[in-house]
Each structure stands twice: as C-alpha cells, then as structure tokens.
Protein backbone atom coordinates (compact mmCIF):
# COMPACT_ATOMS: atom_id res chain seq x y z
CA MET A 1 -5.83 63.81 -0.40
CA ASN A 2 -5.83 61.25 2.34
CA PRO A 3 -3.08 61.49 5.03
CA LEU A 4 -0.23 58.98 4.09
CA PRO A 5 -0.48 57.31 7.59
CA ILE A 6 -4.36 56.23 6.95
CA ASP A 7 -3.21 54.79 3.57
CA LEU A 8 -0.56 52.75 4.95
CA ALA A 9 -2.71 51.69 8.13
CA ALA A 10 -5.19 50.53 5.41
CA ILE A 11 -2.86 48.73 3.28
CA GLY A 12 -1.23 47.02 6.36
CA GLY A 13 -4.33 45.68 7.44
CA LEU A 14 -5.48 44.55 4.01
CA LEU A 15 -1.94 42.68 3.88
CA LEU A 16 -2.51 41.23 7.50
CA LEU A 17 -5.94 39.80 5.78
CA SER A 18 -4.03 38.36 2.93
CA ALA A 19 -1.62 36.76 4.78
CA PHE A 20 -4.34 35.09 7.04
CA PHE A 21 -6.20 34.17 3.80
CA SER A 22 -2.98 32.76 2.29
CA GLY A 23 -1.89 30.84 5.56
CA SER A 24 -5.46 29.42 5.97
CA GLU A 25 -5.54 28.09 2.58
CA THR A 26 -2.20 26.37 3.13
CA ALA A 27 -2.85 24.98 6.55
CA LEU A 28 -6.32 23.77 5.69
CA THR A 29 -5.17 22.07 2.53
CA ALA A 30 -1.96 20.66 4.06
CA ALA A 31 -3.54 19.33 7.34
CA SER A 32 -3.36 15.51 7.83
CA ARG A 33 -6.63 14.00 6.81
CA PRO A 34 -6.25 10.95 8.96
CA TRP A 35 -5.28 13.18 12.00
CA ILE A 36 -8.21 15.35 11.42
CA HIS A 37 -10.38 12.45 10.68
CA LEU A 38 -9.25 10.49 13.89
CA HIS A 39 -9.73 13.45 16.18
CA ALA A 40 -13.15 14.35 14.67
CA ALA A 41 -14.29 10.60 15.25
CA ARG A 42 -12.99 11.20 19.06
CA GLY A 43 -15.59 14.22 19.35
CA ASP A 44 -12.80 17.24 18.97
CA ARG A 45 -14.94 20.07 17.96
CA ARG A 46 -12.14 21.79 16.14
CA ALA A 47 -11.32 18.84 14.13
CA LEU A 48 -15.13 18.43 13.35
CA ARG A 49 -15.05 22.16 11.97
CA VAL A 50 -12.07 21.18 9.85
CA GLN A 51 -13.47 18.11 8.47
CA ARG A 52 -16.43 19.74 7.59
CA LEU A 53 -14.40 22.57 5.77
CA LEU A 54 -12.62 19.80 4.18
CA ASP A 55 -15.66 18.14 3.07
CA ARG A 56 -16.62 21.42 1.25
CA ARG A 57 -13.08 21.70 -0.28
CA GLU A 58 -13.96 23.09 -3.48
CA GLN A 59 -16.18 25.97 -1.91
CA MET A 60 -13.86 26.53 1.04
CA ILE A 61 -10.49 27.19 -1.37
CA SER A 62 -13.12 29.27 -3.75
CA ALA A 63 -14.11 31.39 -0.94
CA ILE A 64 -10.58 31.85 0.49
CA LEU A 65 -9.13 32.63 -3.11
CA LEU A 66 -12.14 35.32 -3.37
CA GLY A 67 -11.39 36.80 -0.24
CA ASN A 68 -7.50 36.73 -0.78
CA ASN A 69 -7.76 38.48 -4.32
CA LEU A 70 -10.16 40.93 -2.97
CA VAL A 71 -7.94 42.25 -0.20
CA ASN A 72 -4.89 42.05 -2.55
CA ILE A 73 -6.54 44.12 -5.44
CA LEU A 74 -7.70 46.66 -2.87
CA ALA A 75 -4.36 46.90 -1.17
CA SER A 76 -2.79 47.76 -4.59
CA ALA A 77 -5.38 50.29 -5.51
CA LEU A 78 -4.89 52.24 -2.40
CA ALA A 79 -1.12 52.19 -2.83
CA THR A 80 -1.30 53.20 -6.40
CA ARG A 81 -3.80 55.99 -5.72
CA ALA A 82 -1.42 57.24 -2.71
CA LEU A 83 1.54 57.08 -4.63
CA ILE A 84 0.01 58.55 -7.85
CA GLU A 85 -1.08 61.73 -5.65
CA ARG A 86 2.45 61.99 -4.42
CA PHE A 87 4.70 60.96 -7.32
CA GLY A 88 2.67 61.43 -10.33
CA GLY A 89 2.70 59.24 -13.10
CA ALA A 90 5.91 57.33 -11.71
CA GLY A 91 3.39 56.16 -8.67
CA VAL A 92 2.21 53.42 -10.65
CA LEU A 93 5.47 51.94 -11.14
CA TYR A 94 6.68 52.51 -7.60
CA ALA A 95 3.24 51.05 -6.35
CA THR A 96 3.82 47.84 -8.56
CA VAL A 97 7.28 47.23 -7.17
CA VAL A 98 6.36 47.91 -3.57
CA MET A 99 3.15 45.85 -3.64
CA THR A 100 4.64 42.83 -5.24
CA LEU A 101 7.56 42.73 -2.69
CA LEU A 102 5.15 43.24 0.25
CA VAL A 103 2.34 40.77 -0.99
CA LEU A 104 5.00 38.45 -2.13
CA VAL A 105 7.01 38.23 1.19
CA PHE A 106 4.71 39.08 3.89
CA ALA A 107 1.33 37.81 2.31
CA GLU A 108 2.40 34.74 0.55
CA ILE A 109 5.78 33.49 1.27
CA LEU A 110 6.02 33.93 5.06
CA PRO A 111 2.33 32.79 6.02
CA LYS A 112 2.44 29.60 3.91
CA THR A 113 5.74 28.75 5.08
CA ILE A 114 4.75 28.80 8.72
CA ALA A 115 1.07 27.17 7.98
CA ILE A 116 2.77 24.28 6.22
CA ARG A 117 5.32 23.51 8.80
CA HIS A 118 2.55 23.68 11.49
CA ALA A 119 -0.49 22.63 9.46
CA ASP A 120 -2.34 20.20 12.08
CA ARG A 121 -2.13 22.82 14.86
CA ILE A 122 -2.70 25.98 12.75
CA ALA A 123 -5.90 24.51 10.83
CA PRO A 124 -8.24 24.05 13.75
CA TRP A 125 -7.75 27.72 14.82
CA VAL A 126 -8.18 29.21 11.34
CA ALA A 127 -11.47 27.27 10.53
CA ILE A 128 -13.03 29.19 13.27
CA PRO A 129 -13.35 32.37 10.81
CA VAL A 130 -13.19 30.59 7.64
CA ALA A 131 -16.28 28.51 8.08
CA PRO A 132 -18.63 31.64 8.28
CA LEU A 133 -16.67 33.21 5.42
CA VAL A 134 -17.31 29.95 3.23
CA THR A 135 -21.22 30.33 4.16
CA LEU A 136 -21.43 34.17 3.34
CA LEU A 137 -19.53 33.59 -0.01
CA THR A 138 -21.70 30.54 -0.84
CA PRO A 139 -23.61 32.19 -3.99
CA LEU A 140 -20.44 33.21 -5.64
CA THR A 141 -18.52 29.83 -4.95
CA MET A 142 -21.59 27.89 -6.37
CA VAL A 143 -21.18 29.97 -9.46
CA VAL A 144 -17.44 29.31 -9.60
CA GLY A 145 -18.03 25.80 -8.79
CA ALA A 146 -20.68 25.17 -11.57
CA VAL A 147 -18.04 26.41 -13.94
CA PHE A 148 -15.18 24.30 -12.70
CA ARG A 149 -17.55 21.05 -12.90
CA LEU A 150 -18.61 22.07 -16.39
CA GLY A 151 -15.10 22.21 -17.58
CA GLY A 152 -13.32 19.61 -15.43
CA ARG A 153 -15.95 17.02 -14.71
CA LEU A 154 -13.70 14.17 -16.44
CA GLY A 155 -10.59 15.12 -14.88
CA ARG A 156 -12.05 14.97 -11.53
CA ALA A 157 -13.79 11.76 -11.97
CA ALA A 158 -10.43 10.14 -13.10
CA SER A 159 -8.62 11.36 -10.02
CA ALA A 160 -11.33 10.32 -7.61
CA GLY A 161 -11.15 6.70 -8.21
CA ARG A 162 -7.25 6.53 -7.44
CA THR A 163 -7.27 9.05 -4.57
CA ALA A 164 -7.78 6.58 -1.46
CA ARG A 165 -5.69 3.62 -2.21
CA GLU A 166 -2.88 5.46 -3.80
CA GLU A 167 -2.66 8.28 -1.32
CA LEU A 168 -2.37 5.63 1.24
CA ARG A 169 0.31 3.89 -0.71
CA GLY A 170 2.04 7.14 -1.30
CA ALA A 171 1.84 7.79 2.45
CA ILE A 172 3.56 4.26 3.28
CA GLU A 173 6.48 5.18 0.86
CA LEU A 174 6.84 8.73 2.33
CA ALA A 175 6.90 7.10 5.67
CA ALA A 176 9.76 5.03 4.54
CA THR A 177 11.89 8.26 4.40
CA ALA A 178 11.17 9.11 7.65
CA GLY A 179 12.68 6.31 9.49
CA VAL A 180 9.86 3.97 9.57
CA ARG A 181 11.17 0.51 10.07
CA ARG A 182 11.31 -1.81 6.80
CA ARG A 183 9.27 -4.53 8.31
CA ASP A 184 6.32 -2.27 9.09
CA ARG A 185 6.49 -0.62 5.67
CA ASN A 186 6.44 -4.31 4.20
CA MET A 187 3.38 -5.22 6.50
CA LEU A 188 1.40 -2.13 5.20
CA ARG A 189 2.34 -2.64 1.57
CA SER A 190 1.28 -6.29 1.84
CA VAL A 191 -2.31 -5.20 3.18
CA LEU A 192 -2.78 -2.98 0.31
CA ASP A 193 -1.67 -5.81 -2.26
CA LEU A 194 -4.30 -8.21 -0.86
CA ASP A 195 -6.81 -7.40 -3.65
CA HIS A 196 -4.05 -8.05 -6.21
CA VAL A 197 -1.95 -10.76 -5.02
CA THR A 198 -3.15 -14.24 -6.23
CA VAL A 199 -3.03 -17.52 -4.08
CA ARG A 200 -0.27 -18.71 -6.84
CA SER A 201 2.23 -16.34 -5.54
CA VAL A 202 2.18 -17.50 -1.71
CA MET A 203 1.30 -21.15 -2.25
CA VAL A 204 3.32 -24.19 -1.33
CA PRO A 205 3.96 -25.88 -5.01
CA ARG A 206 2.95 -29.36 -5.66
CA VAL A 207 6.66 -30.41 -5.52
CA ARG A 208 6.64 -29.52 -1.99
CA MET A 209 3.60 -30.76 -0.61
CA LEU A 210 3.65 -33.55 2.07
CA THR A 211 0.85 -35.88 0.98
CA LEU A 212 0.04 -39.42 2.08
CA ASP A 213 -0.76 -42.49 0.20
CA ALA A 214 -4.28 -43.91 0.74
CA SER A 215 -3.02 -47.26 -0.39
CA GLN A 216 -0.81 -47.26 2.84
CA PRO A 217 -1.94 -49.35 6.24
CA THR A 218 -3.77 -46.78 8.65
CA ASP A 219 -0.95 -47.48 11.14
CA VAL A 220 1.96 -46.40 8.75
CA LEU A 221 -0.26 -43.23 8.23
CA ALA A 222 -0.56 -42.51 11.51
CA SER A 223 3.20 -43.06 12.03
CA GLU A 224 4.07 -40.66 8.83
CA VAL A 225 1.59 -38.02 10.91
CA LEU A 226 3.44 -38.11 14.06
CA ARG A 227 6.58 -37.68 12.19
CA ASN A 228 5.86 -34.61 10.67
CA PRO A 229 4.72 -31.22 12.05
CA TYR A 230 1.47 -30.63 10.11
CA THR A 231 -1.96 -30.58 11.22
CA ARG A 232 -3.63 -31.58 7.77
CA TYR A 233 -2.35 -33.59 5.00
CA PRO A 234 -3.73 -34.27 1.49
CA VAL A 235 -4.17 -37.81 0.60
CA TRP A 236 -3.97 -39.49 -2.77
CA GLU A 237 -4.62 -42.50 -4.55
CA ASP A 238 -3.42 -44.03 -7.56
CA GLU A 239 -1.62 -41.06 -8.59
CA ARG A 240 -0.36 -37.94 -6.52
CA GLU A 241 -2.47 -35.64 -8.30
CA ASN A 242 -5.49 -37.43 -7.46
CA ILE A 243 -6.30 -36.26 -4.01
CA ILE A 244 -9.10 -37.86 -2.64
CA GLY A 245 -9.50 -36.14 0.83
CA ILE A 246 -7.64 -34.19 3.58
CA LEU A 247 -6.58 -36.01 6.70
CA HIS A 248 -6.56 -34.09 9.89
CA ALA A 249 -4.30 -35.22 12.59
CA ARG A 250 -6.62 -34.68 15.32
CA LYS A 251 -9.46 -36.70 13.91
CA LEU A 252 -7.53 -39.52 13.05
CA PHE A 253 -5.98 -39.89 16.34
CA MET A 254 -9.48 -39.37 18.22
CA ARG A 255 -10.95 -42.25 15.93
CA ILE A 256 -7.70 -44.53 16.89
CA GLN A 257 -8.43 -43.99 20.50
CA GLU A 258 -12.08 -44.62 19.77
CA MET A 259 -11.70 -47.84 17.99
CA GLY A 260 -8.75 -48.88 20.20
CA GLY A 261 -6.08 -49.14 17.33
CA ALA A 262 -5.39 -48.04 13.84
CA LYS A 263 -5.52 -51.40 12.02
CA SER A 264 -9.21 -51.61 12.14
CA ILE A 265 -9.79 -48.19 10.67
CA GLU A 266 -10.39 -47.50 7.07
CA ILE A 267 -8.56 -44.25 6.15
CA ARG A 268 -11.72 -43.04 4.01
CA GLU A 269 -13.59 -42.94 7.23
CA VAL A 270 -11.59 -40.02 8.55
CA LEU A 271 -11.00 -38.05 5.45
CA ASP A 272 -12.53 -34.66 4.92
CA GLU A 273 -13.74 -33.31 1.53
CA PRO A 274 -10.76 -31.47 -0.54
CA TRP A 275 -11.55 -27.94 -1.42
CA TYR A 276 -10.27 -26.63 -4.57
CA VAL A 277 -9.61 -22.97 -5.48
CA PRO A 278 -8.23 -21.25 -8.41
CA ASP A 279 -4.71 -20.13 -8.54
CA VAL A 280 -6.23 -16.63 -9.67
CA ALA A 281 -7.94 -16.09 -6.52
CA THR A 282 -6.79 -12.93 -4.74
CA LEU A 283 -5.58 -13.25 -1.06
CA ALA A 284 -8.42 -10.95 0.05
CA HIS A 285 -11.08 -13.24 -1.31
CA GLN A 286 -8.97 -16.53 -0.02
CA LEU A 287 -9.13 -14.78 3.52
CA ASP A 288 -12.90 -14.39 3.21
CA SER A 289 -13.34 -17.71 1.86
CA PHE A 290 -11.15 -19.22 4.69
CA ARG A 291 -13.58 -17.37 7.28
CA ALA A 292 -16.57 -18.55 5.43
CA ARG A 293 -15.80 -22.08 5.35
CA GLN A 294 -13.79 -22.25 8.81
CA THR A 295 -10.90 -24.13 7.09
CA PRO A 296 -7.50 -23.00 7.00
CA MET A 297 -6.15 -24.88 4.00
CA ALA A 298 -7.07 -25.30 0.33
CA LEU A 299 -5.77 -27.09 -2.94
CA VAL A 300 -4.80 -24.59 -5.81
CA VAL A 301 -5.73 -25.59 -9.34
CA ASP A 302 -4.75 -23.96 -12.56
CA GLU A 303 -7.64 -23.14 -15.14
CA TYR A 304 -7.52 -26.83 -16.48
CA GLY A 305 -7.90 -28.31 -13.03
CA ALA A 306 -4.53 -29.60 -12.36
CA LEU A 307 -2.87 -29.43 -8.91
CA GLU A 308 -0.61 -26.85 -8.56
CA GLY A 309 -0.30 -26.58 -4.86
CA LEU A 310 -1.85 -25.70 -1.52
CA VAL A 311 -2.50 -22.54 0.20
CA THR A 312 -3.03 -22.24 4.05
CA LEU A 313 -4.30 -19.19 6.10
CA LYS A 314 -0.69 -19.32 7.71
CA ASP A 315 0.76 -18.72 4.05
CA ILE A 316 -1.23 -15.41 3.47
CA LEU A 317 -0.66 -14.20 7.25
CA GLU A 318 3.04 -14.73 6.60
CA ASP A 319 3.03 -12.82 3.56
CA ILE A 320 1.56 -9.71 5.36
CA VAL A 321 3.63 -10.05 8.58
CA GLY A 322 6.75 -12.23 7.56
CA ASP A 323 7.61 -15.60 8.72
CA ILE A 324 5.64 -17.01 11.53
CA PRO A 325 8.01 -20.14 12.56
CA ASP A 326 7.21 -22.64 15.41
CA GLU A 327 9.11 -25.29 16.96
CA PHE A 328 8.50 -27.85 14.43
CA ASP A 329 9.04 -25.65 11.12
CA PRO A 330 12.42 -26.12 9.23
CA VAL A 331 14.42 -23.04 9.38
CA ARG A 332 14.57 -21.17 5.91
CA THR A 333 16.53 -17.90 6.29
CA LEU A 334 17.58 -15.79 3.44
CA PRO A 335 21.41 -14.99 3.52
CA GLN A 336 23.02 -11.54 3.66
CA PRO A 337 24.17 -10.00 0.64
CA GLU A 338 27.77 -10.73 -0.40
CA THR A 339 30.40 -7.92 -1.04
CA ASP A 340 29.30 -7.36 -4.64
CA GLN A 341 25.76 -7.33 -3.27
CA SER A 342 24.83 -10.62 -4.67
CA VAL A 343 22.92 -13.58 -2.89
CA ILE A 344 22.67 -17.12 -3.39
CA VAL A 345 19.29 -18.52 -2.77
CA PRO A 346 17.25 -21.87 -3.24
CA GLY A 347 15.30 -21.77 -6.88
CA ASP A 348 12.04 -22.12 -5.08
CA THR A 349 12.52 -19.08 -3.00
CA SER A 350 9.31 -16.62 -3.43
CA VAL A 351 10.13 -13.81 -5.43
CA ARG A 352 7.67 -11.71 -2.90
CA ASP A 353 10.10 -12.96 -0.17
CA LEU A 354 13.20 -11.71 -2.00
CA ASN A 355 11.26 -8.33 -2.28
CA ARG A 356 10.39 -8.08 1.16
CA ARG A 357 13.84 -9.34 2.35
CA TYR A 358 16.06 -7.30 0.30
CA ASP A 359 13.80 -4.39 -0.76
CA TRP A 360 14.19 -5.27 -4.14
CA GLN A 361 11.63 -4.80 -7.15
CA LEU A 362 11.53 -8.13 -9.03
CA PRO A 363 8.42 -8.57 -10.94
CA THR A 364 5.65 -10.16 -8.91
CA ASP A 365 2.97 -10.43 -11.63
CA GLY A 366 4.51 -13.74 -13.16
CA ALA A 367 6.02 -16.86 -11.64
CA PRO A 368 5.81 -17.05 -7.94
CA THR A 369 9.42 -18.39 -7.41
CA ILE A 370 12.84 -17.20 -8.55
CA ALA A 371 13.28 -20.09 -10.49
CA GLY A 372 10.12 -19.84 -12.35
CA LEU A 373 10.93 -16.40 -13.12
CA VAL A 374 14.19 -17.17 -14.60
CA ILE A 375 12.82 -19.76 -16.82
CA ASP A 376 10.03 -17.19 -17.78
CA GLU A 377 12.72 -14.43 -18.88
CA ALA A 378 15.10 -17.09 -20.60
CA GLU A 379 12.08 -18.66 -22.37
CA GLU A 380 13.93 -21.85 -22.10
CA LEU A 381 15.40 -24.07 -19.21
CA PRO A 382 18.67 -22.72 -18.91
CA GLU A 383 21.99 -24.82 -18.25
CA GLU A 384 24.20 -24.89 -15.37
CA GLY A 385 26.26 -22.15 -15.24
CA ALA A 386 24.38 -19.77 -17.63
CA GLU A 387 23.28 -16.33 -16.73
CA VAL A 388 19.92 -14.87 -17.59
CA GLN A 389 18.78 -11.32 -17.19
CA VAL A 390 15.68 -10.48 -15.44
CA PRO A 391 14.52 -6.85 -14.86
CA GLY A 392 17.13 -5.22 -12.70
CA PHE A 393 19.48 -8.33 -12.15
CA ALA A 394 21.78 -10.94 -13.57
CA VAL A 395 20.90 -14.31 -12.34
CA GLN A 396 23.35 -17.30 -12.63
CA VAL A 397 22.29 -20.93 -12.35
CA LEU A 398 24.80 -22.53 -10.00
CA ARG A 399 23.01 -25.85 -9.55
CA LYS A 400 20.53 -27.87 -11.52
CA ASP A 401 18.93 -31.03 -10.91
CA GLY A 402 17.22 -32.40 -14.06
CA ALA A 403 14.41 -29.78 -14.96
CA ARG A 404 14.81 -28.12 -11.62
CA LEU A 405 16.92 -24.94 -10.77
CA VAL A 406 18.19 -25.69 -7.62
CA ARG A 407 20.59 -22.86 -6.60
CA LEU A 408 20.89 -19.42 -7.96
CA ARG A 409 22.93 -16.33 -7.63
CA LEU A 410 21.00 -12.96 -8.00
CA ARG A 411 23.26 -9.81 -8.39
CA PRO A 412 22.05 -6.27 -9.25
CA ASN A 413 22.89 -5.08 -12.75
CA GLU A 414 24.73 -1.82 -11.34
CA GLN A 415 26.99 -4.58 -9.79
CA ALA A 416 27.32 -7.12 -12.52
CA GLN A 417 30.68 -7.09 -14.46
C-alpha cells in the first residue's frame, strides 16, 4: 500500500499537467493570428515560435490532446487504486466523483478561462514547452493526422477556401460590437467588396452625365467647360449616346493658348479616344485598369453596347471612404431619420450610399439606385403616392416626373403602419 501523501502528490502533479495542457490548447488556438503574424514579421522569437506551432495546428492539437488524456487517465487510475485500497469497491464511485470534479474545475474550466482571457500573452510562453512536445509526439500525431485526412479531407477542403476572407469579414463585424466607428467599419467592408461590386453600382448614370455637343463652336464649348467643375467631358455627335471622344479641359485651354483663340480650333483635334468598360466589371478590376491605362474615367456600357453612364477613379474611392467633396462639388447630403425612422431621399440615390449612411441592408445585387430597386420590386412603374415593398422597407413614391421616380420615402417595415 502506497502512503496517501505520495498518491495525493502524484495526483496533484498530474492535475497541474492537465491544467497546463488545457490552458495551452486554449491559449494557442485563441491567440490572435494577425497579432502573432505582425510580431513574428518584426522578428519576435516568441511570436515566431507560436506561428510555427499554428502552422502545424493539427499536429499541435493532437500532441496536446494526447498528453492531456494521458495525464488525466493516469491521475484517475492512481485515485481509483488509492481509494479502492482504503474503501474497497466503493472506492471506484468515490474516485469517479472526486476526479470528475477536480479535472472539470481545476484542469479544464479554470485554466481555459484564464487562457482565453489572456491568450495573446500566454501563448508565447506555453509555446516554449509545447514545441518540443509536438516534436516528440510527431510519430503518433502523424498517425492521427492520417486518419483525420482520410475521413475529413472533403470537409477540410470546403472550409479552407472560405477561411481568410470570411474570417476577416467576421472580424470586422465583431469589431462593430467593440466600439469601432461605423465609418471605419464601412471602409473595411467596402475594401472586401471590391471583388464583388460592379461599376454599375457606383457609376454616374447617363441622365446625370454632363456631356458636350460637338456641333457647338469651340468657344462655346470652352465657356461651358469654364462654368463647370469637371476636368473631363464626354463629347457627342448627332445623338447623346454617340460619344466621339473625351475632352480634357487642360488640353483644350493649352490648345487655345497655343492658337491664340478658340475659334480657329476644330474640337476633334483635342479629343481623346473614349474608353468603354462593361457594366459587370468589378471595382477591383476597374481600379487595376485605371492604373494600367493611367486615365481616371471610363464610359460604362451594357451587354448590348448601349451607353449606361460613366465611372471615375473618384467614384470608386468614394465607395470605399465615403464622399470626397471639393469646393466645386454640389452638396448631396442624406437627411437624418424622422421620428418614425423614415427618410425622404431623391430617387437617384445610390443603394450603397443608403446602406452606408443608415447601416441598412438593402439588396445591392440589382439596381444601383433606390428608384431602380423600387421599379424592380414592383415589376412596373409605380404611380405617385403608391407604396412598394422592398426587402425590409416600405417605399412610398412622393413625386414622379414622367417615367422618373424623383422623391421617395423609405420606412423600415417594423415602423410601417
């Protein structure tokens, strides 16, 4: 019969090891990957050690679980033997109850709670003894990993493709609950959306494009350019959809200065070739195209080649960071919600601008403007005063001008009467 103090000391030591394994697993898996990566890139040896372990995540977890189960089983066996020697058959029941409570409280709940609260601080320290343990148990963990890969290859492959982008998006949403400013959150969301949002969602529609008539005298066109704040102007001939070139204001006035006046200049001499892009091009692709062509404006066409609008580099940047007004821009601000949480907006307001301004979830995979969304949902042109249901909202047509929905009231459905 072993002395009771020796058994208690052995069991206590094994429970401490079990607590270490449990806390290590939690700290290493809960540690912030961006934080670890940042410090590892700066040369922090402890962070590098943690990163190497995380790169071998399956082997690390397998080694920790093997060690944890080994010490738990050994502690339970010692406790069972000791209590059987002292209480007979009832010792099995006593050992089961006592060891369950001890393992649950002191080897699982307590160390894991501490570890998850201080994961970034604890992980670098526990990685020191865990790293050689993983190396020592590599033969066993390789067997476990082979079994896992045999049975779970498809599940792992399905999750790998979505990890990085969705994990980052989830981190952004989580940060929203931690007091991150809505403006910052919207910017991060927009950056992630660049590969999915098309230029149609941010373009200036054709009806709002400021274009110039090539049949006008050059001095008249120069006066028009001076009256407006833009640098580049689409120039049309015969009909507004027939764009024959892009007029750059600086190029025009340099030519006027060179020739000593505008009347002797043929406007076609100073036009640049128009650049057309499809309305389904993503913002990420269009940014790359702007960089490659070194021009910040393109005309947008649909699948039939019909002119839909124009998109500029500024339009894409504003989709990310919000409005970038200058001293010449007309002020377009969205109003504060009224007492019933409804808002009144122009029909040509961008759906993405509404979502950004009010933190709404209007669908963005269809029409780019709220008027277009209302028409799509109604499947007809609603009359003035009509109310149309769009996902999550009741939209009332306040004013209509011909076929255009000029002014709309949006009211969240939970506020609708």
